[in-house]
Amino acid sequence: MIRGGRVMVADWESMSISELFELHQQMQSVLRDKLIAKKELLEDRLLRLNPPSDIVLGKDRRS
């Protein structure tokens, strides 16, 4: 049912519960990885746009 990483909508009706659950897990894994990568990218951009004041001023807050 899963051909080359793609499932046709018409195939869903003929898939067993275990096949559907496997597809769900695969989709969940792919989406999790994409979200983590996007979050890291956005956090990096945010840090470059708005660096913490101790980095900008060259100060260490522990001093």
PDB file of N, CA and C in Angstrom:
ATOM      1  N   MET A   1       0.805  -1.191   0.000  1.00  0.00           N
ATOM      2  CA  MET A   1       0.000   0.000   0.000  1.00  0.00           C
ATOM      3  C   MET A   1       0.856   1.265   0.000  1.00  0.00           C
ATOM      4  N   ILE A   2       1.983   1.230   0.680  1.00  0.00           N
ATOM      5  CA  ILE A   2       2.863   2.387   0.728  1.00  0.00           C
ATOM      6  C   ILE A   2       3.923   2.196  -0.346  1.00  0.00           C
ATOM      7  N   ARG A   3       3.820   2.993  -1.395  1.00  0.00           N
ATOM      8  CA  ARG A   3       4.714   2.850  -2.536  1.00  0.00           C
ATOM      9  C   ARG A   3       5.657   4.036  -2.610  1.00  0.00           C
ATOM     10  N   GLY A   4       6.944   3.774  -2.444  1.00  0.00           N
ATOM     11  CA  GLY A   4       7.925   4.836  -2.580  1.00  0.00           C
ATOM     12  C   GLY A   4       7.689   5.993  -1.637  1.00  0.00           C
ATOM     13  N   GLY A   5       7.154   5.713  -0.451  1.00  0.00           N
ATOM     14  CA  GLY A   5       6.904   6.763   0.516  1.00  0.00           C
ATOM     15  C   GLY A   5       5.616   7.536   0.273  1.00  0.00           C
ATOM     16  N   ARG A   6       4.830   7.116  -0.695  1.00  0.00           N
ATOM     17  CA  ARG A   6       3.587   7.832  -1.004  1.00  0.00           C
ATOM     18  C   ARG A   6       2.401   6.870  -0.922  1.00  0.00           C
ATOM     19  N   VAL A   7       1.301   7.390  -0.443  1.00  0.00           N
ATOM     20  CA  VAL A   7       0.068   6.607  -0.368  1.00  0.00           C
ATOM     21  C   VAL A   7      -1.009   7.389  -1.099  1.00  0.00           C
ATOM     22  N   MET A   8      -1.686   6.733  -1.977  1.00  0.00           N
ATOM     23  CA  MET A   8      -2.777   7.375  -2.686  1.00  0.00           C
ATOM     24  C   MET A   8      -4.018   7.358  -1.795  1.00  0.00           C
ATOM     25  N   VAL A   9      -4.801   8.404  -1.865  1.00  0.00           N
ATOM     26  CA  VAL A   9      -5.990   8.519  -1.026  1.00  0.00           C
ATOM     27  C   VAL A   9      -6.913   7.323  -1.215  1.00  0.00           C
ATOM     28  N   ALA A  10      -7.055   6.853  -2.419  1.00  0.00           N
ATOM     29  CA  ALA A  10      -7.928   5.712  -2.686  1.00  0.00           C
ATOM     30  C   ALA A  10      -7.440   4.456  -1.958  1.00  0.00           C
ATOM     31  N   ASP A  11      -6.131   4.382  -1.667  1.00  0.00           N
ATOM     32  CA  ASP A  11      -5.575   3.219  -0.980  1.00  0.00           C
ATOM     33  C   ASP A  11      -5.992   3.158   0.489  1.00  0.00           C
ATOM     34  N   TRP A  12      -6.317   4.299   1.086  1.00  0.00           N
ATOM     35  CA  TRP A  12      -6.645   4.329   2.504  1.00  0.00           C
ATOM     36  C   TRP A  12      -7.800   3.406   2.857  1.00  0.00           C
ATOM     37  N   GLU A  13      -8.793   3.361   2.016  1.00  0.00           N
ATOM     38  CA  GLU A  13      -9.975   2.559   2.303  1.00  0.00           C
ATOM     39  C   GLU A  13      -9.657   1.071   2.338  1.00  0.00           C
ATOM     40  N   SER A  14      -8.649   0.659   1.594  1.00  0.00           N
ATOM     41  CA  SER A  14      -8.327  -0.767   1.551  1.00  0.00           C
ATOM     42  C   SER A  14      -7.228  -1.152   2.545  1.00  0.00           C
ATOM     43  N   MET A  15      -6.693  -0.177   3.276  1.00  0.00           N
ATOM     44  CA  MET A  15      -5.609  -0.460   4.224  1.00  0.00           C
ATOM     45  C   MET A  15      -6.162  -1.014   5.530  1.00  0.00           C
ATOM     46  N   SER A  16      -5.402  -1.914   6.137  1.00  0.00           N
ATOM     47  CA  SER A  16      -5.789  -2.460   7.434  1.00  0.00           C
ATOM     48  C   SER A  16      -5.463  -1.428   8.526  1.00  0.00           C
ATOM     49  N   ILE A  17      -5.978  -1.677   9.703  1.00  0.00           N
ATOM     50  CA  ILE A  17      -5.715  -0.790  10.833  1.00  0.00           C
ATOM     51  C   ILE A  17      -4.217  -0.728  11.121  1.00  0.00           C
ATOM     52  N   SER A  18      -3.539  -1.840  11.056  1.00  0.00           N
ATOM     53  CA  SER A  18      -2.099  -1.842  11.338  1.00  0.00           C
ATOM     54  C   SER A  18      -1.324  -1.060  10.278  1.00  0.00           C
ATOM     55  N   GLU A  19      -1.761  -1.144   9.020  1.00  0.00           N
ATOM     56  CA  GLU A  19      -1.106  -0.372   7.956  1.00  0.00           C
ATOM     57  C   GLU A  19      -1.362   1.124   8.143  1.00  0.00           C
ATOM     58  N   LEU A  20      -2.582   1.468   8.520  1.00  0.00           N
ATOM     59  CA  LEU A  20      -2.900   2.872   8.767  1.00  0.00           C
ATOM     60  C   LEU A  20      -2.106   3.412   9.950  1.00  0.00           C
ATOM     61  N   PHE A  21      -1.967   2.604  10.982  1.00  0.00           N
ATOM     62  CA  PHE A  21      -1.200   3.034  12.158  1.00  0.00           C
ATOM     63  C   PHE A  21       0.277   3.196  11.805  1.00  0.00           C
ATOM     64  N   GLU A  22       0.802   2.304  10.986  1.00  0.00           N
ATOM     65  CA  GLU A  22       2.193   2.422  10.533  1.00  0.00           C
ATOM     66  C   GLU A  22       2.378   3.715   9.738  1.00  0.00           C
ATOM     67  N   LEU A  23       1.437   4.017   8.869  1.00  0.00           N
ATOM     68  CA  LEU A  23       1.488   5.258   8.103  1.00  0.00           C
ATOM     69  C   LEU A  23       1.435   6.465   9.039  1.00  0.00           C
ATOM     70  N   HIS A  24       0.568   6.410  10.022  1.00  0.00           N
ATOM     71  CA  HIS A  24       0.457   7.478  11.020  1.00  0.00           C
ATOM     72  C   HIS A  24       1.799   7.702  11.715  1.00  0.00           C
ATOM     73  N   GLN A  25       2.455   6.624  12.130  1.00  0.00           N
ATOM     74  CA  GLN A  25       3.742   6.739  12.811  1.00  0.00           C
ATOM     75  C   GLN A  25       4.814   7.332  11.895  1.00  0.00           C
ATOM     76  N   GLN A  26       4.811   6.924  10.635  1.00  0.00           N
ATOM     77  CA  GLN A  26       5.778   7.475   9.680  1.00  0.00           C
ATOM     78  C   GLN A  26       5.554   8.968   9.476  1.00  0.00           C
ATOM     79  N   MET A  27       4.302   9.354   9.330  1.00  0.00           N
ATOM     80  CA  MET A  27       3.981  10.769   9.135  1.00  0.00           C
ATOM     81  C   MET A  27       4.343  11.582  10.368  1.00  0.00           C
ATOM     82  N   GLN A  28       4.080  11.030  11.527  1.00  0.00           N
ATOM     83  CA  GLN A  28       4.400  11.702  12.785  1.00  0.00           C
ATOM     84  C   GLN A  28       5.911  11.928  12.904  1.00  0.00           C
ATOM     85  N   SER A  29       6.686  10.942  12.534  1.00  0.00           N
ATOM     86  CA  SER A  29       8.139  11.043  12.598  1.00  0.00           C
ATOM     87  C   SER A  29       8.669  12.107  11.635  1.00  0.00           C
ATOM     88  N   VAL A  30       8.167  12.097  10.419  1.00  0.00           N
ATOM     89  CA  VAL A  30       8.602  13.075   9.415  1.00  0.00           C
ATOM     90  C   VAL A  30       8.243  14.487   9.864  1.00  0.00           C
ATOM     91  N   LEU A  31       7.012  14.662  10.318  1.00  0.00           N
ATOM     92  CA  LEU A  31       6.572  15.988  10.751  1.00  0.00           C
ATOM     93  C   LEU A  31       7.335  16.467  11.981  1.00  0.00           C
ATOM     94  N   ARG A  32       7.629  15.568  12.919  1.00  0.00           N
ATOM     95  CA  ARG A  32       8.406  15.933  14.098  1.00  0.00           C
ATOM     96  C   ARG A  32       9.789  16.429  13.687  1.00  0.00           C
ATOM     97  N   ASP A  33      10.444  15.700  12.800  1.00  0.00           N
ATOM     98  CA  ASP A  33      11.779  16.098  12.340  1.00  0.00           C
ATOM     99  C   ASP A  33      11.750  17.450  11.634  1.00  0.00           C
ATOM    100  N   LYS A  34      10.721  17.672  10.817  1.00  0.00           N
ATOM    101  CA  LYS A  34      10.603  18.954  10.108  1.00  0.00           C
ATOM    102  C   LYS A  34      10.347  20.098  11.083  1.00  0.00           C
ATOM    103  N   LEU A  35       9.497  19.868  12.080  1.00  0.00           N
ATOM    104  CA  LEU A  35       9.217  20.908  13.060  1.00  0.00           C
ATOM    105  C   LEU A  35      10.445  21.248  13.897  1.00  0.00           C
ATOM    106  N   ILE A  36      11.207  20.242  14.285  1.00  0.00           N
ATOM    107  CA  ILE A  36      12.425  20.478  15.063  1.00  0.00           C
ATOM    108  C   ILE A  36      13.422  21.292  14.248  1.00  0.00           C
ATOM    109  N   ALA A  37      13.595  20.939  12.981  1.00  0.00           N
ATOM    110  CA  ALA A  37      14.518  21.677  12.116  1.00  0.00           C
ATOM    111  C   ALA A  37      14.056  23.118  11.936  1.00  0.00           C
ATOM    112  N   LYS A  38      12.768  23.326  11.719  1.00  0.00           N
ATOM    113  CA  LYS A  38      12.234  24.676  11.542  1.00  0.00           C
ATOM    114  C   LYS A  38      12.379  25.487  12.821  1.00  0.00           C
ATOM    115  N   LYS A  39      12.125  24.875  13.960  1.00  0.00           N
ATOM    116  CA  LYS A  39      12.252  25.569  15.244  1.00  0.00           C
ATOM    117  C   LYS A  39      13.692  26.019  15.462  1.00  0.00           C
ATOM    118  N   GLU A  40      14.648  25.144  15.169  1.00  0.00           N
ATOM    119  CA  GLU A  40      16.058  25.504  15.324  1.00  0.00           C
ATOM    120  C   GLU A  40      16.439  26.660  14.406  1.00  0.00           C
ATOM    121  N   LEU A  41      15.938  26.631  13.176  1.00  0.00           N
ATOM    122  CA  LEU A  41      16.199  27.708  12.226  1.00  0.00           C
ATOM    123  C   LEU A  41      15.625  29.037  12.734  1.00  0.00           C
ATOM    124  N   LEU A  42      14.397  29.016  13.202  1.00  0.00           N
ATOM    125  CA  LEU A  42      13.758  30.227  13.700  1.00  0.00           C
ATOM    126  C   LEU A  42      14.428  30.751  14.965  1.00  0.00           C
ATOM    127  N   GLU A  43      14.837  29.846  15.850  1.00  0.00           N
ATOM    128  CA  GLU A  43      15.541  30.276  17.060  1.00  0.00           C
ATOM    129  C   GLU A  43      16.870  30.933  16.714  1.00  0.00           C
ATOM    130  N   ASP A  44      17.572  30.395  15.730  1.00  0.00           N
ATOM    131  CA  ASP A  44      18.831  30.982  15.285  1.00  0.00           C
ATOM    132  C   ASP A  44      18.605  32.368  14.695  1.00  0.00           C
ATOM    133  N   ARG A  45      17.588  32.502  13.857  1.00  0.00           N
ATOM    134  CA  ARG A  45      17.259  33.814  13.269  1.00  0.00           C
ATOM    135  C   ARG A  45      16.910  34.820  14.356  1.00  0.00           C
ATOM    136  N   LEU A  46      16.100  34.403  15.318  1.00  0.00           N
ATOM    137  CA  LEU A  46      15.692  35.278  16.403  1.00  0.00           C
ATOM    138  C   LEU A  46      16.904  35.738  17.209  1.00  0.00           C
ATOM    139  N   LEU A  47      17.812  34.835  17.479  1.00  0.00           N
ATOM    140  CA  LEU A  47      19.019  35.186  18.228  1.00  0.00           C
ATOM    141  C   LEU A  47      19.858  36.206  17.461  1.00  0.00           C
ATOM    142  N   ARG A  48      19.948  36.049  16.136  1.00  0.00           N
ATOM    143  CA  ARG A  48      20.715  37.009  15.325  1.00  0.00           C
ATOM    144  C   ARG A  48      20.020  38.364  15.257  1.00  0.00           C
ATOM    145  N   LEU A  49      18.684  38.373  15.252  1.00  0.00           N
ATOM    146  CA  LEU A  49      17.947  39.635  15.195  1.00  0.00           C
ATOM    147  C   LEU A  49      17.891  40.350  16.537  1.00  0.00           C
ATOM    148  N   ASN A  50      17.879  39.577  17.593  1.00  0.00           N
ATOM    149  CA  ASN A  50      17.705  40.144  18.931  1.00  0.00           C
ATOM    150  C   ASN A  50      18.658  39.449  19.900  1.00  0.00           C
ATOM    151  N   PRO A  51      19.970  39.726  19.786  1.00  0.00           N
ATOM    152  CA  PRO A  51      20.924  39.045  20.667  1.00  0.00           C
ATOM    153  C   PRO A  51      20.750  39.490  22.112  1.00  0.00           C
ATOM    154  N   PRO A  52      21.052  38.625  23.057  1.00  0.00           N
ATOM    155  CA  PRO A  52      20.976  39.007  24.473  1.00  0.00           C
ATOM    156  C   PRO A  52      21.909  40.197  24.734  1.00  0.00           C
ATOM    157  N   SER A  53      21.515  41.081  25.645  1.00  0.00           N
ATOM    158  CA  SER A  53      22.267  42.308  25.890  1.00  0.00           C
ATOM    159  C   SER A  53      23.686  42.044  26.369  1.00  0.00           C
ATOM    160  N   ASP A  54      23.929  40.959  27.101  1.00  0.00           N
ATOM    161  CA  ASP A  54      25.284  40.693  27.581  1.00  0.00           C
ATOM    162  C   ASP A  54      26.228  40.325  26.436  1.00  0.00           C
ATOM    163  N   ILE A  55      25.702  39.785  25.349  1.00  0.00           N
ATOM    164  CA  ILE A  55      26.532  39.475  24.191  1.00  0.00           C
ATOM    165  C   ILE A  55      26.822  40.758  23.412  1.00  0.00           C
ATOM    166  N   VAL A  56      25.820  41.613  23.261  1.00  0.00           N
ATOM    167  CA  VAL A  56      25.992  42.859  22.526  1.00  0.00           C
ATOM    168  C   VAL A  56      26.992  43.777  23.223  1.00  0.00           C
ATOM    169  N   LEU A  57      26.902  43.885  24.544  1.00  0.00           N
ATOM    170  CA  LEU A  57      27.759  44.790  25.304  1.00  0.00           C
ATOM    171  C   LEU A  57      29.095  44.143  25.679  1.00  0.00           C
ATOM    172  N   GLY A  58      29.250  42.874  25.376  1.00  0.00           N
ATOM    173  CA  GLY A  58      30.487  42.191  25.710  1.00  0.00           C
ATOM    174  C   GLY A  58      30.620  41.914  27.205  1.00  0.00           C
ATOM    175  N   LYS A  59      29.502  41.886  27.905  1.00  0.00           N
ATOM    176  CA  LYS A  59      29.528  41.660  29.349  1.00  0.00           C
ATOM    177  C   LYS A  59      29.159  40.221  29.650  1.00  0.00           C
ATOM    178  N   ASP A  60      29.630  39.784  30.786  1.00  0.00           N
ATOM    179  CA  ASP A  60      29.268  38.468  31.302  1.00  0.00           C
ATOM    180  C   ASP A  60      28.454  38.706  32.560  1.00  0.00           C
ATOM    181  N   ARG A  61      27.241  38.238  32.606  1.00  0.00           N
ATOM    182  CA  ARG A  61      26.371  38.490  33.760  1.00  0.00           C
ATOM    183  C   ARG A  61      26.892  37.875  35.054  1.00  0.00           C
ATOM    184  N   ARG A  62      27.802  36.907  34.947  1.00  0.00           N
ATOM    185  CA  ARG A  62      28.338  36.274  36.146  1.00  0.00           C
ATOM    186  C   ARG A  62      29.325  37.169  36.862  1.00  0.00           C
ATOM    187  N   SER A  63      29.834  38.218  36.190  1.00  0.00           N
ATOM    188  CA  SER A  63      30.837  39.106  36.811  1.00  0.00           C
ATOM    189  C   SER A  63      30.210  40.033  37.811  1.00  0.00           C
TER     190      SER A  63
END
